[in-house]
């Protein structure tokens, strides 16, 4: 499952409970459970709803982003969210660069 597909799932399912049930086949797979501890899975489910820029922007506009930040800092996973957001945004820039520099687009 890629970051893009997780982002799509996040947009469709806003609550962690629904998100958890949606991702259950992936999160309960033997390969996943052999590499991730339950606390790591909980952290993943906690940060996924806040990865996208549009979600952050909406929460900043309503003044709710500071609460998200303080809650995640209290849980010790704020830095994890920041790293995942950076990776997601770099991925988006790279995808734009690939499509923009594609020679087939010059037709």
PDB file of N, CA and C in Angstrom:
ATOM      1  N   UNK A   1       0.855  -1.169   0.000  1.00  0.00           N
ATOM      2  CA  UNK A   1       0.000   0.000   0.000  1.00  0.00           C
ATOM      3  C   UNK A   1       0.903   1.233   0.000  1.00  0.00           C
ATOM      4  N   UNK A   2       0.665   2.149  -0.915  1.00  0.00           N
ATOM      5  CA  UNK A   2       1.497   3.329  -1.055  1.00  0.00           C
ATOM      6  C   UNK A   2       0.938   4.483  -0.242  1.00  0.00           C
ATOM      7  N   UNK A   3       1.756   5.520  -0.095  1.00  0.00           N
ATOM      8  CA  UNK A   3       1.308   6.723   0.604  1.00  0.00           C
ATOM      9  C   UNK A   3       0.107   7.317  -0.110  1.00  0.00           C
ATOM     10  N   UNK A   4       0.125   7.307  -1.456  1.00  0.00           N
ATOM     11  CA  UNK A   4      -0.994   7.865  -2.209  1.00  0.00           C
ATOM     12  C   UNK A   4      -2.290   7.117  -1.935  1.00  0.00           C
ATOM     13  N   UNK A   5      -2.225   5.790  -1.873  1.00  0.00           N
ATOM     14  CA  UNK A   5      -3.450   5.041  -1.620  1.00  0.00           C
ATOM     15  C   UNK A   5      -3.924   5.249  -0.186  1.00  0.00           C
ATOM     16  N   UNK A   6      -2.982   5.389   0.758  1.00  0.00           N
ATOM     17  CA  UNK A   6      -3.380   5.683   2.136  1.00  0.00           C
ATOM     18  C   UNK A   6      -4.034   7.058   2.221  1.00  0.00           C
ATOM     19  N   UNK A   7      -3.492   8.022   1.479  1.00  0.00           N
ATOM     20  CA  UNK A   7      -4.065   9.366   1.465  1.00  0.00           C
ATOM     21  C   UNK A   7      -5.488   9.319   0.922  1.00  0.00           C
ATOM     22  N   UNK A   8      -5.720   8.530  -0.117  1.00  0.00           N
ATOM     23  CA  UNK A   8      -7.059   8.382  -0.674  1.00  0.00           C
ATOM     24  C   UNK A   8      -8.025   7.774   0.319  1.00  0.00           C
ATOM     25  N   UNK A   9      -7.551   6.785   1.039  1.00  0.00           N
ATOM     26  CA  UNK A   9      -8.384   6.155   2.062  1.00  0.00           C
ATOM     27  C   UNK A   9      -8.701   7.155   3.157  1.00  0.00           C
ATOM     28  N   UNK A  10      -7.716   7.948   3.554  1.00  0.00           N
ATOM     29  CA  UNK A  10      -7.910   8.936   4.602  1.00  0.00           C
ATOM     30  C   UNK A  10      -8.957   9.956   4.205  1.00  0.00           C
ATOM     31  N   UNK A  11      -8.922  10.392   2.955  1.00  0.00           N
ATOM     32  CA  UNK A  11      -9.902  11.374   2.494  1.00  0.00           C
ATOM     33  C   UNK A  11     -11.315  10.805   2.547  1.00  0.00           C
ATOM     34  N   UNK A  12     -11.431   9.521   2.285  1.00  0.00           N
ATOM     35  CA  UNK A  12     -12.747   8.893   2.235  1.00  0.00           C
ATOM     36  C   UNK A  12     -13.284   8.564   3.633  1.00  0.00           C
ATOM     37  N   UNK A  13     -12.387   8.188   4.529  1.00  0.00           N
ATOM     38  CA  UNK A  13     -12.797   7.771   5.866  1.00  0.00           C
ATOM     39  C   UNK A  13     -12.170   8.692   6.900  1.00  0.00           C
ATOM     40  N   UNK A  14     -13.002   9.486   7.568  1.00  0.00           N
ATOM     41  CA  UNK A  14     -12.482  10.522   8.451  1.00  0.00           C
ATOM     42  C   UNK A  14     -12.170  10.039   9.859  1.00  0.00           C
ATOM     43  N   UNK A  15     -12.806   8.999  10.334  1.00  0.00           N
ATOM     44  CA  UNK A  15     -12.589   8.590  11.720  1.00  0.00           C
ATOM     45  C   UNK A  15     -11.581   7.456  11.807  1.00  0.00           C
ATOM     46  N   UNK A  16     -10.866   7.425  12.911  1.00  0.00           N
ATOM     47  CA  UNK A  16      -9.861   6.386  13.124  1.00  0.00           C
ATOM     48  C   UNK A  16     -10.497   5.001  13.169  1.00  0.00           C
ATOM     49  N   UNK A  17     -11.692   4.877  13.768  1.00  0.00           N
ATOM     50  CA  UNK A  17     -12.343   3.567  13.838  1.00  0.00           C
ATOM     51  C   UNK A  17     -12.641   3.027  12.444  1.00  0.00           C
ATOM     52  N   UNK A  18     -13.184   3.859  11.592  1.00  0.00           N
ATOM     53  CA  UNK A  18     -13.466   3.443  10.230  1.00  0.00           C
ATOM     54  C   UNK A  18     -12.164   3.188   9.482  1.00  0.00           C
ATOM     55  N   UNK A  19     -11.206   4.048   9.698  1.00  0.00           N
ATOM     56  CA  UNK A  19      -9.899   3.882   9.073  1.00  0.00           C
ATOM     57  C   UNK A  19      -9.264   2.568   9.505  1.00  0.00           C
ATOM     58  N   UNK A  20      -9.349   2.259  10.785  1.00  0.00           N
ATOM     59  CA  UNK A  20      -8.779   1.006  11.295  1.00  0.00           C
ATOM     60  C   UNK A  20      -9.445  -0.204  10.655  1.00  0.00           C
ATOM     61  N   UNK A  21     -10.754  -0.164  10.526  1.00  0.00           N
ATOM     62  CA  UNK A  21     -11.432  -1.307   9.915  1.00  0.00           C
ATOM     63  C   UNK A  21     -11.115  -1.408   8.429  1.00  0.00           C
ATOM     64  N   UNK A  22     -10.937  -0.277   7.778  1.00  0.00           N
ATOM     65  CA  UNK A  22     -10.591  -0.275   6.361  1.00  0.00           C
ATOM     66  C   UNK A  22      -9.185  -0.832   6.141  1.00  0.00           C
ATOM     67  N   UNK A  23      -8.259  -0.451   7.005  1.00  0.00           N
ATOM     68  CA  UNK A  23      -6.872  -0.891   6.862  1.00  0.00           C
ATOM     69  C   UNK A  23      -6.577  -2.224   7.533  1.00  0.00           C
ATOM     70  N   UNK A  24      -7.578  -2.798   8.187  1.00  0.00           N
ATOM     71  CA  UNK A  24      -7.359  -4.044   8.924  1.00  0.00           C
ATOM     72  C   UNK A  24      -6.715  -5.159   8.091  1.00  0.00           C
ATOM     73  N   UNK A  25      -7.141  -5.387   6.844  1.00  0.00           N
ATOM     74  CA  UNK A  25      -6.481  -6.455   6.083  1.00  0.00           C
ATOM     75  C   UNK A  25      -4.977  -6.225   5.916  1.00  0.00           C
ATOM     76  N   UNK A  26      -4.572  -4.985   5.748  1.00  0.00           N
ATOM     77  CA  UNK A  26      -3.159  -4.652   5.637  1.00  0.00           C
ATOM     78  C   UNK A  26      -2.467  -4.722   6.998  1.00  0.00           C
ATOM     79  N   UNK A  27      -3.101  -4.137   8.008  1.00  0.00           N
ATOM     80  CA  UNK A  27      -2.466  -4.046   9.326  1.00  0.00           C
ATOM     81  C   UNK A  27      -2.404  -5.378  10.057  1.00  0.00           C
ATOM     82  N   UNK A  28      -3.289  -6.301   9.721  1.00  0.00           N
ATOM     83  CA  UNK A  28      -3.278  -7.604  10.381  1.00  0.00           C
ATOM     84  C   UNK A  28      -2.556  -8.673   9.559  1.00  0.00           C
ATOM     85  N   UNK A  29      -2.027  -8.300   8.412  1.00  0.00           N
ATOM     86  CA  UNK A  29      -1.301  -9.259   7.576  1.00  0.00           C
ATOM     87  C   UNK A  29      -0.033  -9.725   8.291  1.00  0.00           C
ATOM     88  N   UNK A  30       0.352 -10.971   8.100  1.00  0.00           N
ATOM     89  CA  UNK A  30       1.541 -11.499   8.785  1.00  0.00           C
ATOM     90  C   UNK A  30       2.807 -10.668   8.553  1.00  0.00           C
ATOM     91  N   UNK A  31       2.998 -10.186   7.345  1.00  0.00           N
ATOM     92  CA  UNK A  31       4.192  -9.380   7.070  1.00  0.00           C
ATOM     93  C   UNK A  31       4.186  -8.092   7.889  1.00  0.00           C
ATOM     94  N   UNK A  32       3.019  -7.470   7.998  1.00  0.00           N
ATOM     95  CA  UNK A  32       2.905  -6.241   8.788  1.00  0.00           C
ATOM     96  C   UNK A  32       3.110  -6.527  10.267  1.00  0.00           C
ATOM     97  N   UNK A  33       2.423  -7.522  10.790  1.00  0.00           N
ATOM     98  CA  UNK A  33       2.507  -7.799  12.229  1.00  0.00           C
ATOM     99  C   UNK A  33       3.885  -8.319  12.636  1.00  0.00           C
ATOM    100  N   UNK A  34       4.620  -8.875  11.691  1.00  0.00           N
ATOM    101  CA  UNK A  34       5.967  -9.339  12.039  1.00  0.00           C
ATOM    102  C   UNK A  34       6.967  -8.187  12.092  1.00  0.00           C
ATOM    103  N   UNK A  35       6.609  -7.034  11.544  1.00  0.00           N
ATOM    104  CA  UNK A  35       7.528  -5.893  11.519  1.00  0.00           C
ATOM    105  C   UNK A  35       7.080  -4.711  12.369  1.00  0.00           C
ATOM    106  N   UNK A  36       5.801  -4.653  12.703  1.00  0.00           N
ATOM    107  CA  UNK A  36       5.288  -3.533  13.492  1.00  0.00           C
ATOM    108  C   UNK A  36       4.690  -4.010  14.801  1.00  0.00           C
ATOM    109  N   UNK A  37       4.980  -3.274  15.863  1.00  0.00           N
ATOM    110  CA  UNK A  37       4.375  -3.562  17.149  1.00  0.00           C
ATOM    111  C   UNK A  37       2.998  -2.896  17.198  1.00  0.00           C
ATOM    112  N   UNK A  38       2.096  -3.389  18.052  1.00  0.00           N
ATOM    113  CA  UNK A  38       0.763  -2.782  18.143  1.00  0.00           C
ATOM    114  C   UNK A  38       0.800  -1.270  18.394  1.00  0.00           C
ATOM    115  N   UNK A  39       1.738  -0.797  19.187  1.00  0.00           N
ATOM    116  CA  UNK A  39       1.821   0.650  19.446  1.00  0.00           C
ATOM    117  C   UNK A  39       2.186   1.421  18.181  1.00  0.00           C
ATOM    118  N   UNK A  40       3.002   0.821  17.321  1.00  0.00           N
ATOM    119  CA  UNK A  40       3.348   1.475  16.062  1.00  0.00           C
ATOM    120  C   UNK A  40       2.140   1.547  15.133  1.00  0.00           C
ATOM    121  N   UNK A  41       1.340   0.512  15.124  1.00  0.00           N
ATOM    122  CA  UNK A  41       0.116   0.504  14.316  1.00  0.00           C
ATOM    123  C   UNK A  41      -0.845   1.578  14.825  1.00  0.00           C
ATOM    124  N   UNK A  42      -0.966   1.702  16.143  1.00  0.00           N
ATOM    125  CA  UNK A  42      -1.812   2.749  16.723  1.00  0.00           C
ATOM    126  C   UNK A  42      -1.321   4.131  16.308  1.00  0.00           C
ATOM    127  N   UNK A  43      -0.004   4.329  16.315  1.00  0.00           N
ATOM    128  CA  UNK A  43       0.562   5.612  15.903  1.00  0.00           C
ATOM    129  C   UNK A  43       0.259   5.903  14.432  1.00  0.00           C
ATOM    130  N   UNK A  44       0.359   4.890  13.594  1.00  0.00           N
ATOM    131  CA  UNK A  44       0.052   5.055  12.172  1.00  0.00           C
ATOM    132  C   UNK A  44      -1.395   5.511  12.006  1.00  0.00           C
ATOM    133  N   UNK A  45      -2.304   4.825  12.691  1.00  0.00           N
ATOM    134  CA  UNK A  45      -3.716   5.182  12.592  1.00  0.00           C
ATOM    135  C   UNK A  45      -3.994   6.567  13.158  1.00  0.00           C
ATOM    136  N   UNK A  46      -3.200   6.975  14.114  1.00  0.00           N
ATOM    137  CA  UNK A  46      -3.373   8.288  14.729  1.00  0.00           C
ATOM    138  C   UNK A  46      -2.950   9.419  13.786  1.00  0.00           C
ATOM    139  N   UNK A  47      -1.888   9.218  13.016  1.00  0.00           N
ATOM    140  CA  UNK A  47      -1.383  10.322  12.190  1.00  0.00           C
ATOM    141  C   UNK A  47      -1.977  10.376  10.782  1.00  0.00           C
ATOM    142  N   UNK A  48      -2.442   9.259  10.248  1.00  0.00           N
ATOM    143  CA  UNK A  48      -2.940   9.244   8.861  1.00  0.00           C
ATOM    144  C   UNK A  48      -3.971  10.340   8.582  1.00  0.00           C
ATOM    145  N   UNK A  49      -4.941  10.576   9.463  1.00  0.00           N
ATOM    146  CA  UNK A  49      -5.937  11.607   9.135  1.00  0.00           C
ATOM    147  C   UNK A  49      -5.377  13.023   9.009  1.00  0.00           C
ATOM    148  N   UNK A  50      -4.142  13.242   9.462  1.00  0.00           N
ATOM    149  CA  UNK A  50      -3.585  14.592   9.470  1.00  0.00           C
ATOM    150  C   UNK A  50      -2.435  14.793   8.489  1.00  0.00           C
ATOM    151  N   UNK A  51      -2.204  13.838   7.604  1.00  0.00           N
ATOM    152  CA  UNK A  51      -1.060  13.929   6.684  1.00  0.00           C
ATOM    153  C   UNK A  51      -1.304  14.954   5.576  1.00  0.00           C
ATOM    154  N   UNK A  52      -2.486  15.018   5.038  1.00  0.00           N
ATOM    155  CA  UNK A  52      -2.706  15.844   3.845  1.00  0.00           C
ATOM    156  C   UNK A  52      -2.648  17.337   4.155  1.00  0.00           C
ATOM    157  N   UNK A  53      -2.163  18.064   3.158  1.00  0.00           N
ATOM    158  CA  UNK A  53      -2.066  19.519   3.284  1.00  0.00           C
ATOM    159  C   UNK A  53      -3.455  20.138   3.412  1.00  0.00           C
ATOM    160  N   UNK A  54      -4.429  19.637   2.667  1.00  0.00           N
ATOM    161  CA  UNK A  54      -5.770  20.227   2.710  1.00  0.00           C
ATOM    162  C   UNK A  54      -6.403  20.075   4.095  1.00  0.00           C
ATOM    163  N   UNK A  55      -6.163  18.947   4.743  1.00  0.00           N
ATOM    164  CA  UNK A  55      -6.682  18.752   6.102  1.00  0.00           C
ATOM    165  C   UNK A  55      -6.008  19.726   7.064  1.00  0.00           C
ATOM    166  N   UNK A  56      -4.686  19.833   6.953  1.00  0.00           N
ATOM    167  CA  UNK A  56      -3.963  20.777   7.821  1.00  0.00           C
ATOM    168  C   UNK A  56      -4.467  22.200   7.592  1.00  0.00           C
ATOM    169  N   UNK A  57      -4.651  22.567   6.339  1.00  0.00           N
ATOM    170  CA  UNK A  57      -5.114  23.923   6.010  1.00  0.00           C
ATOM    171  C   UNK A  57      -6.483  24.199   6.630  1.00  0.00           C
ATOM    172  N   UNK A  58      -7.410  23.243   6.492  1.00  0.00           N
ATOM    173  CA  UNK A  58      -8.748  23.413   7.068  1.00  0.00           C
ATOM    174  C   UNK A  58      -8.682  23.548   8.587  1.00  0.00           C
ATOM    175  N   UNK A  59      -7.872  22.698   9.213  1.00  0.00           N
ATOM    176  CA  UNK A  59      -7.755  22.750  10.670  1.00  0.00           C
ATOM    177  C   UNK A  59      -7.082  24.037  11.141  1.00  0.00           C
ATOM    178  N   UNK A  60      -6.141  24.527  10.358  1.00  0.00           N
ATOM    179  CA  UNK A  60      -5.508  25.816  10.707  1.00  0.00           C
ATOM    180  C   UNK A  60      -6.525  26.953  10.600  1.00  0.00           C
ATOM    181  N   UNK A  61      -7.373  26.919   9.577  1.00  0.00           N
ATOM    182  CA  UNK A  61      -8.376  27.963   9.389  1.00  0.00           C
ATOM    183  C   UNK A  61      -9.389  27.992  10.524  1.00  0.00           C
ATOM    184  N   UNK A  62      -9.688  26.833  11.083  1.00  0.00           N
ATOM    185  CA  UNK A  62     -10.667  26.771  12.181  1.00  0.00           C
ATOM    186  C   UNK A  62     -10.010  26.876  13.557  1.00  0.00           C
ATOM    187  N   UNK A  63      -8.675  26.956  13.580  1.00  0.00           N
ATOM    188  CA  UNK A  63      -7.964  27.061  14.848  1.00  0.00           C
ATOM    189  C   UNK A  63      -7.787  25.749  15.578  1.00  0.00           C
ATOM    190  N   UNK A  64      -8.062  24.630  14.898  1.00  0.00           N
ATOM    191  CA  UNK A  64      -7.976  23.318  15.529  1.00  0.00           C
ATOM    192  C   UNK A  64      -6.602  22.650  15.383  1.00  0.00           C
ATOM    193  N   UNK A  65      -5.763  23.181  14.501  1.00  0.00           N
ATOM    194  CA  UNK A  65      -4.476  22.533  14.246  1.00  0.00           C
ATOM    195  C   UNK A  65      -3.590  22.539  15.489  1.00  0.00           C
ATOM    196  N   UNK A  66      -3.644  23.592  16.283  1.00  0.00           N
ATOM    197  CA  UNK A  66      -2.829  23.675  17.492  1.00  0.00           C
ATOM    198  C   UNK A  66      -3.183  22.555  18.472  1.00  0.00           C
ATOM    199  N   UNK A  67      -4.466  22.206  18.537  1.00  0.00           N
ATOM    200  CA  UNK A  67      -4.884  21.098  19.409  1.00  0.00           C
ATOM    201  C   UNK A  67      -4.331  19.777  18.884  1.00  0.00           C
ATOM    202  N   UNK A  68      -4.385  19.576  17.583  1.00  0.00           N
ATOM    203  CA  UNK A  68      -3.814  18.361  16.985  1.00  0.00           C
ATOM    204  C   UNK A  68      -2.332  18.287  17.329  1.00  0.00           C
ATOM    205  N   UNK A  69      -1.646  19.409  17.146  1.00  0.00           N
ATOM    206  CA  UNK A  69      -0.205  19.451  17.438  1.00  0.00           C
ATOM    207  C   UNK A  69       0.073  19.121  18.899  1.00  0.00           C
ATOM    208  N   UNK A  70      -0.646  19.742  19.811  1.00  0.00           N
ATOM    209  CA  UNK A  70      -0.383  19.493  21.233  1.00  0.00           C
ATOM    210  C   UNK A  70      -0.743  18.062  21.628  1.00  0.00           C
ATOM    211  N   UNK A  71      -1.831  17.521  21.065  1.00  0.00           N
ATOM    212  CA  UNK A  71      -2.209  16.133  21.359  1.00  0.00           C
ATOM    213  C   UNK A  71      -1.142  15.156  20.875  1.00  0.00           C
ATOM    214  N   UNK A  72      -0.652  15.372  19.654  1.00  0.00           N
ATOM    215  CA  UNK A  72       0.360  14.464  19.106  1.00  0.00           C
ATOM    216  C   UNK A  72       1.709  14.637  19.806  1.00  0.00           C
ATOM    217  N   UNK A  73       2.019  15.861  20.234  1.00  0.00           N
ATOM    218  CA  UNK A  73       3.247  16.064  21.016  1.00  0.00           C
ATOM    219  C   UNK A  73       3.160  15.321  22.339  1.00  0.00           C
ATOM    220  N   UNK A  74       1.995  15.370  22.977  1.00  0.00           N
ATOM    221  CA  UNK A  74       1.805  14.674  24.249  1.00  0.00           C
ATOM    222  C   UNK A  74       1.975  13.163  24.083  1.00  0.00           C
ATOM    223  N   UNK A  75       1.605  12.646  22.915  1.00  0.00           N
ATOM    224  CA  UNK A  75       1.738  11.212  22.646  1.00  0.00           C
ATOM    225  C   UNK A  75       3.129  10.856  22.101  1.00  0.00           C
ATOM    226  N   UNK A  76       3.934  11.885  21.841  1.00  0.00           N
ATOM    227  CA  UNK A  76       5.291  11.649  21.353  1.00  0.00           C
ATOM    228  C   UNK A  76       5.380  11.284  19.878  1.00  0.00           C
ATOM    229  N   UNK A  77       4.352  11.634  19.105  1.00  0.00           N
ATOM    230  CA  UNK A  77       4.376  11.273  17.684  1.00  0.00           C
ATOM    231  C   UNK A  77       4.237  12.484  16.757  1.00  0.00           C
ATOM    232  N   UNK A  78       4.371  13.694  17.295  1.00  0.00           N
ATOM    233  CA  UNK A  78       4.287  14.895  16.470  1.00  0.00           C
ATOM    234  C   UNK A  78       5.382  14.894  15.398  1.00  0.00           C
ATOM    235  N   UNK A  79       6.597  14.550  15.785  1.00  0.00           N
ATOM    236  CA  UNK A  79       7.710  14.548  14.839  1.00  0.00           C
ATOM    237  C   UNK A  79       7.498  13.516  13.734  1.00  0.00           C
ATOM    238  N   UNK A  80       6.852  12.415  14.081  1.00  0.00           N
ATOM    239  CA  UNK A  80       6.551  11.383  13.076  1.00  0.00           C
ATOM    240  C   UNK A  80       5.603  11.960  12.026  1.00  0.00           C
ATOM    241  N   UNK A  81       4.562  12.643  12.470  1.00  0.00           N
ATOM    242  CA  UNK A  81       3.639  13.268  11.529  1.00  0.00           C
ATOM    243  C   UNK A  81       4.374  14.255  10.638  1.00  0.00           C
ATOM    244  N   UNK A  82       5.235  15.075  11.217  1.00  0.00           N
ATOM    245  CA  UNK A  82       5.982  16.069  10.427  1.00  0.00           C
ATOM    246  C   UNK A  82       6.835  15.391   9.352  1.00  0.00           C
ATOM    247  N   UNK A  83       7.490  14.301   9.697  1.00  0.00           N
ATOM    248  CA  UNK A  83       8.311  13.566   8.729  1.00  0.00           C
ATOM    249  C   UNK A  83       7.455  12.962   7.616  1.00  0.00           C
ATOM    250  N   UNK A  84       6.310  12.389   7.979  1.00  0.00           N
ATOM    251  CA  UNK A  84       5.434  11.782   6.977  1.00  0.00           C
ATOM    252  C   UNK A  84       4.856  12.868   6.067  1.00  0.00           C
ATOM    253  N   UNK A  85       4.495  14.020   6.642  1.00  0.00           N
ATOM    254  CA  UNK A  85       4.000  15.129   5.821  1.00  0.00           C
ATOM    255  C   UNK A  85       5.078  15.590   4.839  1.00  0.00           C
ATOM    256  N   UNK A  86       6.311  15.723   5.318  1.00  0.00           N
ATOM    257  CA  UNK A  86       7.405  16.124   4.431  1.00  0.00           C
ATOM    258  C   UNK A  86       7.580  15.128   3.293  1.00  0.00           C
ATOM    259  N   UNK A  87       7.563  13.851   3.620  1.00  0.00           N
ATOM    260  CA  UNK A  87       7.717  12.813   2.587  1.00  0.00           C
ATOM    261  C   UNK A  87       6.561  12.874   1.593  1.00  0.00           C
ATOM    262  N   UNK A  88       5.355  13.072   2.085  1.00  0.00           N
ATOM    263  CA  UNK A  88       4.185  13.142   1.220  1.00  0.00           C
ATOM    264  C   UNK A  88       4.289  14.331   0.270  1.00  0.00           C
ATOM    265  N   UNK A  89       4.744  15.459   0.783  1.00  0.00           N
ATOM    266  CA  UNK A  89       4.848  16.661  -0.051  1.00  0.00           C
ATOM    267  C   UNK A  89       5.992  16.549  -1.054  1.00  0.00           C
ATOM    268  N   UNK A  90       7.086  15.934  -0.640  1.00  0.00           N
ATOM    269  CA  UNK A  90       8.182  15.692  -1.589  1.00  0.00           C
ATOM    270  C   UNK A  90       7.741  14.728  -2.682  1.00  0.00           C
ATOM    271  N   UNK A  91       6.950  13.733  -2.300  1.00  0.00           N
ATOM    272  CA  UNK A  91       6.416  12.788  -3.277  1.00  0.00           C
ATOM    273  C   UNK A  91       5.536  13.521  -4.281  1.00  0.00           C
ATOM    274  N   UNK A  92       4.718  14.438  -3.809  1.00  0.00           N
ATOM    275  CA  UNK A  92       3.843  15.196  -4.700  1.00  0.00           C
ATOM    276  C   UNK A  92       4.665  16.067  -5.656  1.00  0.00           C
ATOM    277  N   UNK A  93       5.709  16.690  -5.136  1.00  0.00           N
ATOM    278  CA  UNK A  93       6.580  17.501  -5.992  1.00  0.00           C
ATOM    279  C   UNK A  93       7.246  16.619  -7.045  1.00  0.00           C
ATOM    280  N   UNK A  94       7.706  15.450  -6.627  1.00  0.00           N
ATOM    281  CA  UNK A  94       8.344  14.522  -7.566  1.00  0.00           C
ATOM    282  C   UNK A  94       7.374  14.048  -8.626  1.00  0.00           C
ATOM    283  N   UNK A  95       6.145  13.749  -8.247  1.00  0.00           N
ATOM    284  CA  UNK A  95       5.144  13.307  -9.209  1.00  0.00           C
ATOM    285  C   UNK A  95       4.855  14.412 -10.214  1.00  0.00           C
ATOM    286  N   UNK A  96       4.803  15.632  -9.751  1.00  0.00           N
ATOM    287  CA  UNK A  96       4.584  16.766 -10.649  1.00  0.00           C
ATOM    288  C   UNK A  96       5.768  16.905 -11.601  1.00  0.00           C
ATOM    289  N   UNK A  97       6.970  16.776 -11.056  1.00  0.00           N
ATOM    290  CA  UNK A  97       8.167  16.897 -11.883  1.00  0.00           C
ATOM    291  C   UNK A  97       8.238  15.817 -12.946  1.00  0.00           C
ATOM    292  N   UNK A  98       7.870  14.609 -12.598  1.00  0.00           N
ATOM    293  CA  UNK A  98       7.891  13.503 -13.561  1.00  0.00           C
ATOM    294  C   UNK A  98       6.878  13.766 -14.668  1.00  0.00           C
ATOM    295  N   UNK A  99       5.667  14.180 -14.300  1.00  0.00           N
ATOM    296  CA  UNK A  99       4.652  14.416 -15.328  1.00  0.00           C
ATOM    297  C   UNK A  99       4.989  15.644 -16.161  1.00  0.00           C
ATOM    298  N   UNK A 100       5.564  16.655 -15.553  1.00  0.00           N
ATOM    299  CA  UNK A 100       5.912  17.888 -16.254  1.00  0.00           C
ATOM    300  C   UNK A 100       7.059  17.662 -17.237  1.00  0.00           C
ATOM    301  N   UNK A 101       8.003  16.806 -16.868  1.00  0.00           N
ATOM    302  CA  UNK A 101       9.179  16.573 -17.697  1.00  0.00           C
ATOM    303  C   UNK A 101       9.038  15.365 -18.624  1.00  0.00           C
ATOM    304  N   UNK A 102       7.854  14.812 -18.716  1.00  0.00           N
ATOM    305  CA  UNK A 102       7.617  13.652 -19.568  1.00  0.00           C
ATOM    306  C   UNK A 102       7.633  14.098 -21.024  1.00  0.00           C
ATOM    307  N   UNK A 103       8.532  13.522 -21.842  1.00  0.00           N
ATOM    308  CA  UNK A 103       8.597  13.919 -23.257  1.00  0.00           C
ATOM    309  C   UNK A 103       7.287  13.717 -24.009  1.00  0.00           C
ATOM    310  N   UNK A 104       6.450  12.785 -23.568  1.00  0.00           N
ATOM    311  CA  UNK A 104       5.169  12.566 -24.239  1.00  0.00           C
ATOM    312  C   UNK A 104       4.221  13.746 -24.064  1.00  0.00           C
ATOM    313  N   UNK A 105       4.453  14.574 -23.051  1.00  0.00           N
ATOM    314  CA  UNK A 105       3.595  15.737 -22.820  1.00  0.00           C
ATOM    315  C   UNK A 105       3.872  16.850 -23.825  1.00  0.00           C
ATOM    316  N   UNK A 106       4.939  16.722 -24.613  1.00  0.00           N
ATOM    317  CA  UNK A 106       5.294  17.771 -25.566  1.00  0.00           C
ATOM    318  C   UNK A 106       4.570  17.620 -26.890  1.00  0.00           C
ATOM    319  N   UNK A 107       3.768  16.618 -27.048  1.00  0.00           N
ATOM    320  CA  UNK A 107       3.050  16.401 -28.305  1.00  0.00           C
ATOM    321  C   UNK A 107       2.006  17.434 -28.564  1.00  0.00           C
TER     322      UNK A 107
END
